[in-house]
N, C-alpha and C. Protein backbone atom coordinates (compact mmCIF):
# COMPACT_ATOMS: atom_id res chain seq x y z
N MET A 1 0.84 -1.20 0.00
CA MET A 1 0.00 0.00 0.00
C MET A 1 0.88 1.25 0.00
N LYS A 2 0.61 2.17 -0.94
CA LYS A 2 1.41 3.37 -1.06
C LYS A 2 0.97 4.42 -0.04
N LYS A 3 1.96 5.15 0.48
CA LYS A 3 1.68 6.23 1.44
C LYS A 3 1.97 7.56 0.76
N ILE A 4 0.94 8.40 0.68
CA ILE A 4 1.03 9.66 -0.05
C ILE A 4 0.72 10.83 0.88
N LEU A 5 1.58 11.84 0.84
CA LEU A 5 1.36 13.05 1.64
C LEU A 5 0.94 14.19 0.71
N ILE A 6 -0.18 14.84 1.04
CA ILE A 6 -0.68 15.97 0.27
C ILE A 6 -0.42 17.24 1.07
N VAL A 7 0.35 18.17 0.49
CA VAL A 7 0.72 19.42 1.17
C VAL A 7 0.05 20.58 0.44
N ASP A 8 -0.98 21.13 1.07
CA ASP A 8 -1.74 22.25 0.50
C ASP A 8 -2.43 22.96 1.64
N ASP A 9 -2.48 24.29 1.60
CA ASP A 9 -3.05 25.02 2.73
C ASP A 9 -4.58 25.10 2.68
N HIS A 10 -5.20 24.55 1.66
CA HIS A 10 -6.66 24.56 1.56
C HIS A 10 -7.21 23.16 1.82
N ALA A 11 -7.95 23.01 2.91
CA ALA A 11 -8.48 21.70 3.30
C ALA A 11 -9.38 21.11 2.22
N ILE A 12 -10.17 21.96 1.57
CA ILE A 12 -11.10 21.46 0.55
C ILE A 12 -10.33 20.89 -0.64
N VAL A 13 -9.17 21.46 -0.95
CA VAL A 13 -8.33 20.94 -2.04
C VAL A 13 -7.75 19.59 -1.65
N ARG A 14 -7.23 19.50 -0.43
CA ARG A 14 -6.65 18.22 0.02
C ARG A 14 -7.70 17.12 0.02
N GLN A 15 -8.87 17.42 0.56
CA GLN A 15 -9.91 16.40 0.65
C GLN A 15 -10.44 16.02 -0.72
N GLY A 16 -10.53 17.01 -1.61
CA GLY A 16 -10.97 16.72 -2.97
C GLY A 16 -9.97 15.84 -3.70
N LEU A 17 -8.68 16.12 -3.51
CA LEU A 17 -7.65 15.30 -4.13
C LEU A 17 -7.71 13.86 -3.64
N ILE A 18 -7.90 13.69 -2.37
CA ILE A 18 -7.98 12.34 -1.80
C ILE A 18 -9.12 11.57 -2.43
N ARG A 19 -10.29 12.21 -2.56
CA ARG A 19 -11.44 11.52 -3.17
C ARG A 19 -11.17 11.16 -4.62
N VAL A 20 -10.55 12.07 -5.35
CA VAL A 20 -10.23 11.80 -6.75
C VAL A 20 -9.23 10.66 -6.86
N LEU A 21 -8.18 10.70 -6.05
CA LEU A 21 -7.14 9.68 -6.13
C LEU A 21 -7.64 8.32 -5.69
N GLN A 22 -8.54 8.28 -4.72
CA GLN A 22 -9.12 7.00 -4.30
C GLN A 22 -9.88 6.35 -5.44
N ASP A 23 -10.43 7.17 -6.33
CA ASP A 23 -11.20 6.65 -7.46
C ASP A 23 -10.32 6.21 -8.63
N VAL A 24 -9.20 6.94 -8.86
CA VAL A 24 -8.45 6.70 -10.09
C VAL A 24 -7.20 5.85 -9.92
N LEU A 25 -6.60 5.83 -8.73
CA LEU A 25 -5.37 5.07 -8.56
C LEU A 25 -5.65 3.57 -8.59
N GLU A 26 -4.76 2.84 -9.23
CA GLU A 26 -4.97 1.40 -9.41
C GLU A 26 -4.65 0.60 -8.16
N GLN A 27 -3.85 1.15 -7.27
CA GLN A 27 -3.48 0.42 -6.07
C GLN A 27 -3.95 1.16 -4.83
N PRO A 28 -4.32 0.45 -3.77
CA PRO A 28 -4.77 1.10 -2.53
C PRO A 28 -3.69 2.00 -1.97
N SER A 29 -4.10 3.13 -1.42
CA SER A 29 -3.14 4.09 -0.89
C SER A 29 -3.64 4.68 0.42
N LEU A 30 -2.70 5.06 1.26
CA LEU A 30 -3.00 5.78 2.49
C LEU A 30 -2.61 7.24 2.30
N PHE A 31 -3.46 8.16 2.75
CA PHE A 31 -3.22 9.58 2.52
C PHE A 31 -3.08 10.32 3.84
N ASP A 32 -2.05 11.16 3.92
CA ASP A 32 -1.89 12.09 5.03
C ASP A 32 -1.96 13.51 4.47
N GLU A 33 -2.27 14.47 5.34
CA GLU A 33 -2.43 15.85 4.90
C GLU A 33 -1.57 16.78 5.75
N ALA A 34 -1.03 17.81 5.10
CA ALA A 34 -0.30 18.87 5.79
C ALA A 34 -0.72 20.20 5.19
N ALA A 35 -0.95 21.19 6.06
CA ALA A 35 -1.42 22.50 5.59
C ALA A 35 -0.28 23.51 5.48
N GLU A 36 0.88 23.19 6.05
CA GLU A 36 2.01 24.11 6.06
C GLU A 36 3.31 23.35 5.83
N ALA A 37 4.33 24.08 5.43
CA ALA A 37 5.62 23.47 5.14
C ALA A 37 6.23 22.80 6.37
N GLN A 38 6.21 23.51 7.50
CA GLN A 38 6.82 22.96 8.71
C GLN A 38 6.11 21.70 9.18
N GLN A 39 4.80 21.67 9.04
CA GLN A 39 4.03 20.46 9.38
C GLN A 39 4.44 19.31 8.46
N ALA A 40 4.60 19.61 7.18
CA ALA A 40 5.01 18.59 6.21
C ALA A 40 6.38 18.03 6.56
N ILE A 41 7.31 18.90 6.94
CA ILE A 41 8.66 18.46 7.30
C ILE A 41 8.62 17.52 8.50
N ARG A 42 7.83 17.89 9.50
CA ARG A 42 7.72 17.04 10.69
C ARG A 42 7.15 15.67 10.32
N MET A 43 6.15 15.64 9.47
CA MET A 43 5.52 14.38 9.10
C MET A 43 6.46 13.51 8.28
N ILE A 44 7.21 14.13 7.36
CA ILE A 44 8.14 13.38 6.53
C ILE A 44 9.30 12.84 7.36
N ASN A 45 9.70 13.57 8.39
CA ASN A 45 10.76 13.10 9.28
C ASN A 45 10.28 11.94 10.16
N ALA A 46 8.97 11.89 10.39
CA ALA A 46 8.43 10.87 11.30
C ALA A 46 7.94 9.61 10.57
N LYS A 47 7.71 9.72 9.27
CA LYS A 47 7.14 8.60 8.53
C LYS A 47 7.72 8.54 7.13
N GLU A 48 7.83 7.33 6.59
CA GLU A 48 8.32 7.17 5.22
C GLU A 48 7.14 7.25 4.24
N TYR A 49 7.29 8.12 3.25
CA TYR A 49 6.24 8.28 2.23
C TYR A 49 6.76 7.82 0.87
N ASP A 50 5.84 7.35 0.05
CA ASP A 50 6.18 6.95 -1.31
C ASP A 50 6.07 8.11 -2.28
N LEU A 51 5.31 9.14 -1.89
CA LEU A 51 5.07 10.26 -2.79
C LEU A 51 4.57 11.47 -2.00
N VAL A 52 4.99 12.65 -2.45
CA VAL A 52 4.48 13.90 -1.88
C VAL A 52 3.86 14.72 -3.01
N LEU A 53 2.63 15.20 -2.80
CA LEU A 53 1.98 16.13 -3.71
C LEU A 53 2.05 17.50 -3.05
N LEU A 54 2.73 18.43 -3.69
CA LEU A 54 3.09 19.69 -3.04
C LEU A 54 2.60 20.90 -3.82
N ASP A 55 1.91 21.80 -3.12
CA ASP A 55 1.51 23.08 -3.70
C ASP A 55 2.67 24.07 -3.55
N ILE A 56 2.80 24.99 -4.51
CA ILE A 56 3.87 25.98 -4.44
C ILE A 56 3.57 27.06 -3.41
N SER A 57 2.31 27.46 -3.32
CA SER A 57 1.93 28.57 -2.44
C SER A 57 1.50 28.04 -1.07
N LEU A 58 2.37 28.21 -0.08
CA LEU A 58 2.09 27.79 1.28
C LEU A 58 2.20 29.00 2.20
N PRO A 59 1.47 29.00 3.32
CA PRO A 59 1.43 30.19 4.17
C PRO A 59 2.72 30.48 4.93
N ASP A 60 3.51 29.46 5.24
CA ASP A 60 4.68 29.69 6.09
C ASP A 60 6.01 29.60 5.35
N GLN A 61 6.00 29.06 4.14
CA GLN A 61 7.26 28.92 3.40
C GLN A 61 6.94 28.69 1.93
N ASN A 62 7.77 29.25 1.06
CA ASN A 62 7.60 29.03 -0.36
C ASN A 62 7.74 27.55 -0.69
N GLY A 63 6.82 27.02 -1.51
CA GLY A 63 6.85 25.61 -1.85
C GLY A 63 8.12 25.19 -2.56
N LEU A 64 8.71 26.09 -3.34
CA LEU A 64 9.97 25.77 -4.00
C LEU A 64 11.10 25.56 -2.99
N ALA A 65 11.10 26.39 -1.95
CA ALA A 65 12.11 26.23 -0.91
C ALA A 65 11.94 24.90 -0.19
N LEU A 66 10.68 24.52 0.07
CA LEU A 66 10.42 23.23 0.70
C LEU A 66 10.84 22.09 -0.21
N LEU A 67 10.55 22.22 -1.50
CA LEU A 67 10.94 21.19 -2.47
C LEU A 67 12.45 20.99 -2.45
N LYS A 68 13.21 22.07 -2.46
CA LYS A 68 14.67 21.97 -2.43
C LYS A 68 15.15 21.28 -1.16
N LEU A 69 14.53 21.64 -0.02
CA LEU A 69 14.92 21.04 1.25
C LEU A 69 14.64 19.54 1.25
N LEU A 70 13.46 19.15 0.78
CA LEU A 70 13.11 17.73 0.72
C LEU A 70 14.05 16.97 -0.19
N HIS A 71 14.41 17.58 -1.30
CA HIS A 71 15.30 16.91 -2.26
C HIS A 71 16.70 16.75 -1.67
N GLN A 72 17.13 17.73 -0.89
CA GLN A 72 18.45 17.63 -0.25
C GLN A 72 18.46 16.55 0.82
N GLN A 73 17.38 16.49 1.61
CA GLN A 73 17.31 15.53 2.70
C GLN A 73 17.03 14.12 2.23
N ASN A 74 16.21 13.98 1.21
CA ASN A 74 15.83 12.66 0.71
C ASN A 74 15.63 12.71 -0.80
N PRO A 75 16.71 12.67 -1.57
CA PRO A 75 16.60 12.80 -3.03
C PRO A 75 15.80 11.69 -3.69
N LYS A 76 15.58 10.58 -3.00
CA LYS A 76 14.81 9.48 -3.59
C LYS A 76 13.31 9.63 -3.38
N LEU A 77 12.89 10.60 -2.55
CA LEU A 77 11.47 10.82 -2.30
C LEU A 77 10.88 11.62 -3.47
N PRO A 78 9.97 11.01 -4.25
CA PRO A 78 9.41 11.74 -5.39
C PRO A 78 8.39 12.79 -4.94
N VAL A 79 8.47 13.96 -5.58
CA VAL A 79 7.57 15.06 -5.27
C VAL A 79 6.93 15.55 -6.58
N ILE A 80 5.60 15.59 -6.59
CA ILE A 80 4.87 16.14 -7.72
C ILE A 80 4.31 17.49 -7.30
N ILE A 81 4.58 18.51 -8.10
CA ILE A 81 4.06 19.85 -7.83
C ILE A 81 2.64 19.96 -8.37
N LEU A 82 1.72 20.36 -7.51
CA LEU A 82 0.34 20.65 -7.92
C LEU A 82 0.16 22.15 -7.74
N SER A 83 -0.09 22.86 -8.84
CA SER A 83 -0.10 24.31 -8.75
C SER A 83 -1.15 24.91 -9.66
N SER A 84 -1.63 26.08 -9.28
CA SER A 84 -2.55 26.83 -10.13
C SER A 84 -1.78 27.76 -11.06
N HIS A 85 -0.46 27.83 -10.91
CA HIS A 85 0.37 28.69 -11.75
C HIS A 85 0.61 28.05 -13.11
N PRO A 86 0.69 28.85 -14.17
CA PRO A 86 0.98 28.32 -15.50
C PRO A 86 2.33 27.60 -15.53
N GLU A 87 2.43 26.60 -16.38
CA GLU A 87 3.66 25.82 -16.47
C GLU A 87 4.86 26.69 -16.84
N GLU A 88 4.65 27.65 -17.75
CA GLU A 88 5.77 28.47 -18.20
C GLU A 88 6.34 29.34 -17.08
N GLN A 89 5.59 29.47 -15.99
CA GLN A 89 6.05 30.31 -14.89
C GLN A 89 6.95 29.55 -13.93
N TYR A 90 6.64 28.27 -13.66
CA TYR A 90 7.36 27.57 -12.60
C TYR A 90 7.91 26.19 -12.97
N PHE A 91 7.50 25.62 -14.10
CA PHE A 91 7.89 24.23 -14.37
C PHE A 91 9.40 24.02 -14.34
N VAL A 92 10.14 24.84 -15.10
CA VAL A 92 11.59 24.64 -15.18
C VAL A 92 12.24 24.80 -13.80
N ARG A 93 11.76 25.78 -13.03
CA ARG A 93 12.30 25.99 -11.69
C ARG A 93 12.08 24.77 -10.80
N THR A 94 10.89 24.20 -10.86
CA THR A 94 10.59 23.05 -10.01
C THR A 94 11.38 21.82 -10.44
N LEU A 95 11.56 21.65 -11.74
CA LEU A 95 12.34 20.52 -12.23
C LEU A 95 13.78 20.63 -11.75
N ARG A 96 14.34 21.83 -11.84
CA ARG A 96 15.70 22.05 -11.36
C ARG A 96 15.82 21.82 -9.86
N ALA A 97 14.74 22.09 -9.14
CA ALA A 97 14.75 21.95 -7.67
C ALA A 97 14.54 20.51 -7.23
N GLY A 98 14.23 19.60 -8.18
CA GLY A 98 14.11 18.19 -7.82
C GLY A 98 12.75 17.57 -7.98
N ALA A 99 11.78 18.30 -8.54
CA ALA A 99 10.44 17.74 -8.72
C ALA A 99 10.44 16.61 -9.74
N SER A 100 9.55 15.66 -9.54
CA SER A 100 9.41 14.54 -10.47
C SER A 100 8.30 14.79 -11.48
N GLY A 101 7.47 15.78 -11.22
CA GLY A 101 6.38 16.09 -12.13
C GLY A 101 5.72 17.40 -11.74
N TYR A 102 5.01 18.01 -12.68
CA TYR A 102 4.32 19.28 -12.45
C TYR A 102 2.95 19.18 -13.08
N VAL A 103 1.90 19.36 -12.25
CA VAL A 103 0.53 19.25 -12.73
C VAL A 103 -0.23 20.51 -12.35
N ASN A 104 -0.85 21.13 -13.35
CA ASN A 104 -1.69 22.29 -13.07
C ASN A 104 -2.99 21.82 -12.42
N LYS A 105 -3.47 22.55 -11.42
CA LYS A 105 -4.67 22.15 -10.70
C LYS A 105 -5.92 22.13 -11.58
N GLY A 106 -5.84 22.77 -12.74
CA GLY A 106 -6.96 22.75 -13.65
C GLY A 106 -7.00 21.51 -14.52
N SER A 107 -6.00 20.64 -14.39
CA SER A 107 -5.94 19.42 -15.21
C SER A 107 -6.97 18.40 -14.72
N GLY A 108 -7.28 17.46 -15.57
CA GLY A 108 -8.24 16.42 -15.24
C GLY A 108 -7.64 15.29 -14.44
N ALA A 109 -8.52 14.44 -13.91
CA ALA A 109 -8.09 13.30 -13.09
C ALA A 109 -7.25 12.31 -13.89
N ALA A 110 -7.54 12.17 -15.18
CA ALA A 110 -6.81 11.21 -16.00
C ALA A 110 -5.33 11.57 -16.10
N LEU A 111 -5.04 12.87 -16.27
CA LEU A 111 -3.64 13.29 -16.35
C LEU A 111 -2.95 13.10 -15.01
N LEU A 112 -3.63 13.45 -13.92
CA LEU A 112 -3.05 13.29 -12.59
C LEU A 112 -2.71 11.83 -12.34
N LYS A 113 -3.61 10.93 -12.73
CA LYS A 113 -3.36 9.50 -12.57
C LYS A 113 -2.13 9.08 -13.36
N LYS A 114 -2.03 9.56 -14.60
CA LYS A 114 -0.91 9.22 -15.47
C LYS A 114 0.42 9.68 -14.87
N VAL A 115 0.42 10.90 -14.35
CA VAL A 115 1.64 11.45 -13.76
C VAL A 115 2.04 10.66 -12.52
N ILE A 116 1.08 10.42 -11.64
CA ILE A 116 1.38 9.70 -10.39
C ILE A 116 1.89 8.30 -10.67
N ASN A 117 1.24 7.58 -11.57
CA ASN A 117 1.67 6.21 -11.87
C ASN A 117 3.09 6.18 -12.43
N LYS A 118 3.42 7.14 -13.28
CA LYS A 118 4.77 7.17 -13.85
C LYS A 118 5.80 7.51 -12.78
N VAL A 119 5.47 8.47 -11.92
CA VAL A 119 6.41 8.87 -10.87
C VAL A 119 6.60 7.74 -9.86
N LEU A 120 5.52 7.06 -9.50
CA LEU A 120 5.63 5.95 -8.57
C LEU A 120 6.44 4.80 -9.16
N ALA A 121 6.53 4.77 -10.49
CA ALA A 121 7.34 3.74 -11.16
C ALA A 121 8.81 4.13 -11.21
N GLY A 122 9.14 5.28 -10.59
CA GLY A 122 10.52 5.69 -10.50
C GLY A 122 11.00 6.58 -11.64
N LYS A 123 10.05 7.14 -12.41
CA LYS A 123 10.41 7.99 -13.54
C LYS A 123 9.91 9.41 -13.33
N LYS A 124 10.44 10.33 -14.11
CA LYS A 124 9.93 11.70 -14.13
C LYS A 124 8.89 11.83 -15.23
N PHE A 125 7.90 12.71 -15.00
CA PHE A 125 6.90 12.97 -16.03
C PHE A 125 7.12 14.35 -16.61
N VAL A 126 7.26 14.41 -17.93
CA VAL A 126 7.41 15.68 -18.64
C VAL A 126 6.48 15.63 -19.85
N SER A 127 5.50 16.52 -19.89
CA SER A 127 4.58 16.57 -21.02
C SER A 127 5.26 17.19 -22.23
N GLN A 128 4.59 17.15 -23.39
CA GLN A 128 5.15 17.75 -24.59
C GLN A 128 5.37 19.25 -24.40
N THR A 129 4.38 19.91 -23.81
CA THR A 129 4.51 21.35 -23.57
C THR A 129 5.67 21.64 -22.62
N GLN A 130 5.79 20.84 -21.57
CA GLN A 130 6.87 21.03 -20.61
C GLN A 130 8.22 20.75 -21.24
N ALA A 131 8.29 19.76 -22.14
CA ALA A 131 9.54 19.45 -22.82
C ALA A 131 10.00 20.63 -23.67
N GLU A 132 9.04 21.32 -24.29
CA GLU A 132 9.38 22.50 -25.09
C GLU A 132 9.91 23.61 -24.21
N LEU A 133 9.29 23.79 -23.04
CA LEU A 133 9.78 24.81 -22.10
C LEU A 133 11.19 24.48 -21.63
N LEU A 134 11.43 23.21 -21.38
CA LEU A 134 12.75 22.78 -20.93
C LEU A 134 13.79 22.99 -22.03
N THR A 135 13.41 22.69 -23.26
CA THR A 135 14.32 22.89 -24.39
C THR A 135 14.67 24.36 -24.54
N GLN A 136 13.68 25.22 -24.41
CA GLN A 136 13.92 26.66 -24.50
C GLN A 136 14.88 27.12 -23.41
N ALA A 137 14.69 26.59 -22.20
CA ALA A 137 15.54 26.99 -21.08
C ALA A 137 16.98 26.54 -21.29
N VAL A 138 17.15 25.35 -21.89
CA VAL A 138 18.49 24.82 -22.12
C VAL A 138 19.18 25.53 -23.28
N CYS A 139 18.42 25.82 -24.32
CA CYS A 139 19.00 26.38 -25.55
C CYS A 139 19.27 27.88 -25.46
N HIS A 140 18.43 28.60 -24.72
CA HIS A 140 18.60 30.04 -24.65
C HIS A 140 19.81 30.37 -23.80
N ASN A 141 20.61 31.30 -24.24
CA ASN A 141 21.71 31.75 -23.39
C ASN A 141 21.19 32.79 -22.43
N SER A 142 22.03 33.26 -21.51
CA SER A 142 21.58 34.16 -20.45
C SER A 142 21.04 35.47 -20.98
N GLU A 143 21.52 35.92 -22.15
CA GLU A 143 21.04 37.18 -22.69
C GLU A 143 19.65 37.05 -23.28
N ASP A 144 19.31 35.84 -23.77
CA ASP A 144 18.01 35.64 -24.39
C ASP A 144 16.92 35.31 -23.38
N MET A 145 17.31 34.82 -22.21
CA MET A 145 16.33 34.40 -21.22
C MET A 145 15.65 35.60 -20.59
N ALA A 146 14.41 35.39 -20.12
CA ALA A 146 13.70 36.45 -19.43
C ALA A 146 14.50 36.88 -18.20
N SER A 147 14.44 38.16 -17.90
CA SER A 147 15.24 38.69 -16.79
C SER A 147 14.91 38.02 -15.47
N HIS A 148 13.63 37.64 -15.27
CA HIS A 148 13.26 37.07 -13.97
C HIS A 148 13.85 35.68 -13.75
N GLU A 149 14.43 35.06 -14.80
CA GLU A 149 15.10 33.79 -14.59
C GLU A 149 16.34 33.96 -13.73
N SER A 150 16.84 35.19 -13.62
CA SER A 150 18.02 35.46 -12.80
C SER A 150 17.66 35.63 -11.32
N LEU A 151 16.37 35.76 -11.03
CA LEU A 151 15.93 35.95 -9.65
C LEU A 151 15.96 34.63 -8.89
N SER A 152 16.24 34.72 -7.60
CA SER A 152 16.14 33.54 -6.75
C SER A 152 14.66 33.25 -6.51
N ASP A 153 14.37 32.06 -5.97
CA ASP A 153 12.98 31.70 -5.69
C ASP A 153 12.35 32.68 -4.70
N ARG A 154 13.12 33.09 -3.70
CA ARG A 154 12.60 34.04 -2.71
C ARG A 154 12.32 35.39 -3.36
N GLU A 155 13.19 35.81 -4.26
CA GLU A 155 13.00 37.09 -4.94
C GLU A 155 11.76 37.06 -5.83
N VAL A 156 11.54 35.94 -6.51
CA VAL A 156 10.32 35.80 -7.32
C VAL A 156 9.09 35.88 -6.42
N GLN A 157 9.16 35.20 -5.27
CA GLN A 157 8.04 35.21 -4.34
C GLN A 157 7.73 36.62 -3.88
N LEU A 158 8.75 37.38 -3.51
CA LEU A 158 8.53 38.75 -3.03
C LEU A 158 7.99 39.65 -4.14
N ALA A 159 8.52 39.51 -5.34
CA ALA A 159 8.04 40.32 -6.46
C ALA A 159 6.56 40.05 -6.72
N CYS A 160 6.18 38.79 -6.63
CA CYS A 160 4.78 38.42 -6.84
C CYS A 160 3.89 38.96 -5.71
N MET A 161 4.39 38.93 -4.48
CA MET A 161 3.63 39.44 -3.34
C MET A 161 3.45 40.95 -3.45
N MET A 162 4.46 41.65 -3.95
CA MET A 162 4.33 43.09 -4.18
C MET A 162 3.25 43.35 -5.23
N THR A 163 3.24 42.53 -6.25
CA THR A 163 2.26 42.69 -7.32
C THR A 163 0.84 42.45 -6.82
N ALA A 164 0.72 41.57 -5.84
CA ALA A 164 -0.59 41.27 -5.27
C ALA A 164 -1.07 42.36 -4.32
N GLY A 165 -0.24 43.39 -4.12
CA GLY A 165 -0.66 44.52 -3.30
C GLY A 165 -0.06 44.57 -1.92
N GLY A 166 0.89 43.70 -1.63
CA GLY A 166 1.50 43.67 -0.30
C GLY A 166 2.58 44.72 -0.13
N GLY A 167 2.51 45.48 0.97
CA GLY A 167 3.57 46.41 1.30
C GLY A 167 4.72 45.68 1.95
N LEU A 168 5.85 46.36 2.12
CA LEU A 168 7.02 45.69 2.67
C LEU A 168 6.78 45.17 4.09
N SER A 169 6.08 45.94 4.91
CA SER A 169 5.80 45.51 6.28
C SER A 169 4.90 44.29 6.31
N GLU A 170 3.89 44.29 5.45
CA GLU A 170 2.97 43.15 5.40
C GLU A 170 3.68 41.90 4.91
N ILE A 171 4.51 42.05 3.88
CA ILE A 171 5.27 40.91 3.35
C ILE A 171 6.23 40.38 4.41
N ALA A 172 6.89 41.28 5.12
CA ALA A 172 7.82 40.87 6.17
C ALA A 172 7.09 40.06 7.25
N ARG A 173 5.89 40.51 7.62
CA ARG A 173 5.11 39.80 8.64
C ARG A 173 4.70 38.41 8.16
N LYS A 174 4.23 38.33 6.93
CA LYS A 174 3.76 37.05 6.40
C LYS A 174 4.89 36.04 6.26
N LEU A 175 6.08 36.52 5.92
CA LEU A 175 7.21 35.62 5.70
C LEU A 175 8.12 35.49 6.92
N ASN A 176 7.72 36.15 8.02
CA ASN A 176 8.50 36.11 9.25
C ASN A 176 9.93 36.61 9.02
N LEU A 177 10.02 37.72 8.27
CA LEU A 177 11.31 38.36 8.00
C LEU A 177 11.28 39.78 8.54
N SER A 178 12.43 40.39 8.68
CA SER A 178 12.47 41.79 9.07
C SER A 178 12.18 42.66 7.85
N VAL A 179 11.69 43.87 8.11
CA VAL A 179 11.43 44.80 7.01
C VAL A 179 12.74 45.12 6.29
N LYS A 180 13.83 45.19 7.03
CA LYS A 180 15.14 45.46 6.43
C LYS A 180 15.53 44.37 5.44
N THR A 181 15.26 43.11 5.82
CA THR A 181 15.58 41.99 4.93
C THR A 181 14.74 42.05 3.66
N VAL A 182 13.45 42.34 3.82
CA VAL A 182 12.57 42.45 2.65
C VAL A 182 13.02 43.60 1.75
N SER A 183 13.45 44.70 2.37
CA SER A 183 13.94 45.85 1.59
C SER A 183 15.19 45.47 0.80
N THR A 184 16.04 44.64 1.40
CA THR A 184 17.24 44.19 0.71
C THR A 184 16.89 43.33 -0.50
N TYR A 185 15.91 42.44 -0.31
CA TYR A 185 15.44 41.63 -1.43
C TYR A 185 14.88 42.51 -2.54
N ARG A 186 14.12 43.53 -2.15
CA ARG A 186 13.53 44.45 -3.14
C ARG A 186 14.64 45.13 -3.94
N ALA A 187 15.68 45.55 -3.25
CA ALA A 187 16.80 46.22 -3.93
C ALA A 187 17.47 45.27 -4.92
N ARG A 188 17.61 44.02 -4.54
CA ARG A 188 18.23 43.04 -5.44
C ARG A 188 17.36 42.81 -6.68
N ILE A 189 16.05 42.76 -6.46
CA ILE A 189 15.12 42.57 -7.59
C ILE A 189 15.25 43.72 -8.57
N LEU A 190 15.30 44.94 -8.05
CA LEU A 190 15.42 46.12 -8.90
C LEU A 190 16.69 46.07 -9.74
N VAL A 191 17.79 45.66 -9.11
CA VAL A 191 19.07 45.60 -9.82
C VAL A 191 19.03 44.52 -10.90
N LYS A 192 18.54 43.32 -10.55
CA LYS A 192 18.55 42.21 -11.49
C LYS A 192 17.62 42.45 -12.68
N LEU A 193 16.50 43.14 -12.43
CA LEU A 193 15.54 43.40 -13.51
C LEU A 193 15.79 44.74 -14.19
N ASN A 194 16.79 45.45 -13.70
CA ASN A 194 17.12 46.77 -14.26
C ASN A 194 15.92 47.72 -14.17
N LEU A 195 15.32 47.76 -12.98
CA LEU A 195 14.15 48.59 -12.75
C LEU A 195 14.48 49.64 -11.70
N ARG A 196 13.53 50.57 -11.47
CA ARG A 196 13.81 51.68 -10.55
C ARG A 196 12.88 51.72 -9.35
N THR A 197 11.63 51.31 -9.51
CA THR A 197 10.65 51.47 -8.44
C THR A 197 9.84 50.20 -8.24
N THR A 198 9.10 50.17 -7.12
CA THR A 198 8.19 49.05 -6.86
C THR A 198 7.12 48.98 -7.94
N ALA A 199 6.66 50.13 -8.42
CA ALA A 199 5.66 50.15 -9.50
C ALA A 199 6.20 49.47 -10.75
N ASP A 200 7.50 49.64 -11.00
CA ASP A 200 8.13 48.98 -12.15
C ASP A 200 8.11 47.46 -11.96
N ILE A 201 8.37 47.00 -10.72
CA ILE A 201 8.33 45.57 -10.43
C ILE A 201 6.94 45.02 -10.69
N ILE A 202 5.93 45.74 -10.22
CA ILE A 202 4.54 45.30 -10.41
C ILE A 202 4.21 45.22 -11.89
N SER A 203 4.59 46.24 -12.64
CA SER A 203 4.34 46.27 -14.08
C SER A 203 5.04 45.11 -14.78
N TYR A 204 6.28 44.83 -14.36
CA TYR A 204 7.03 43.73 -14.96
C TYR A 204 6.35 42.39 -14.70
N CYS A 205 5.92 42.16 -13.46
CA CYS A 205 5.28 40.89 -13.10
C CYS A 205 3.97 40.71 -13.86
N ILE A 206 3.19 41.77 -14.00
CA ILE A 206 1.93 41.69 -14.74
C ILE A 206 2.21 41.34 -16.21
N HIS A 207 3.19 42.02 -16.79
CA HIS A 207 3.53 41.82 -18.20
C HIS A 207 4.02 40.39 -18.46
N ASN A 208 4.72 39.81 -17.48
CA ASN A 208 5.30 38.46 -17.65
C ASN A 208 4.48 37.37 -16.97
N ASN A 209 3.25 37.74 -16.55
CA ASN A 209 2.33 36.75 -15.95
C ASN A 209 2.90 36.06 -14.74
N LEU A 210 3.63 36.82 -13.92
CA LEU A 210 4.15 36.27 -12.66
C LEU A 210 3.15 36.59 -11.56
N SER A 211 2.80 35.58 -10.77
CA SER A 211 1.82 35.79 -9.70
C SER A 211 2.06 34.80 -8.60
N VAL A 212 1.53 35.14 -7.39
CA VAL A 212 1.68 34.24 -6.25
C VAL A 212 0.68 33.11 -6.36
């Protein structure tokens, strides 16, 4: 029996996934749930899982940061990213961070089943669209790539939070950082994107479809 951990901050999403997976998976599975990154870490340290389904947007820690940590601690633990973000925004980043698959939450149950079965068989799942994105990322040199590819995962997260209307103090509170640290990240974003103001960051994120 496979043991699967679902990490998502929305209970209705976790419960809906469990019902869908109980219907489509060919083998019986046990499901655990975590609403936050730290809870997920504690559960993974306490129990062996065959698979983790992970959302990128978590309340206490960026899902990409959690993915990297899990991959460092247990590179054999397969992680599938379940996200509402477009593939072109995060797929390559998650693959580089150690993900075994990336599924948009708008996808159907049949695709989710296909991805999970392939990952549980010890393989990575890459769709045709994702393969094209990966090819573009590999073939493009640094000058041709979008400027935001130079941003760290934390910097992308902060830029997206600014675009969503968060001020520096609010962002600092949500991420448990000091305002000074958030200001430093903002300064780095401006330099890397060759921008001047927070309004420029917001405009850039909107134009490039970057969102939290």
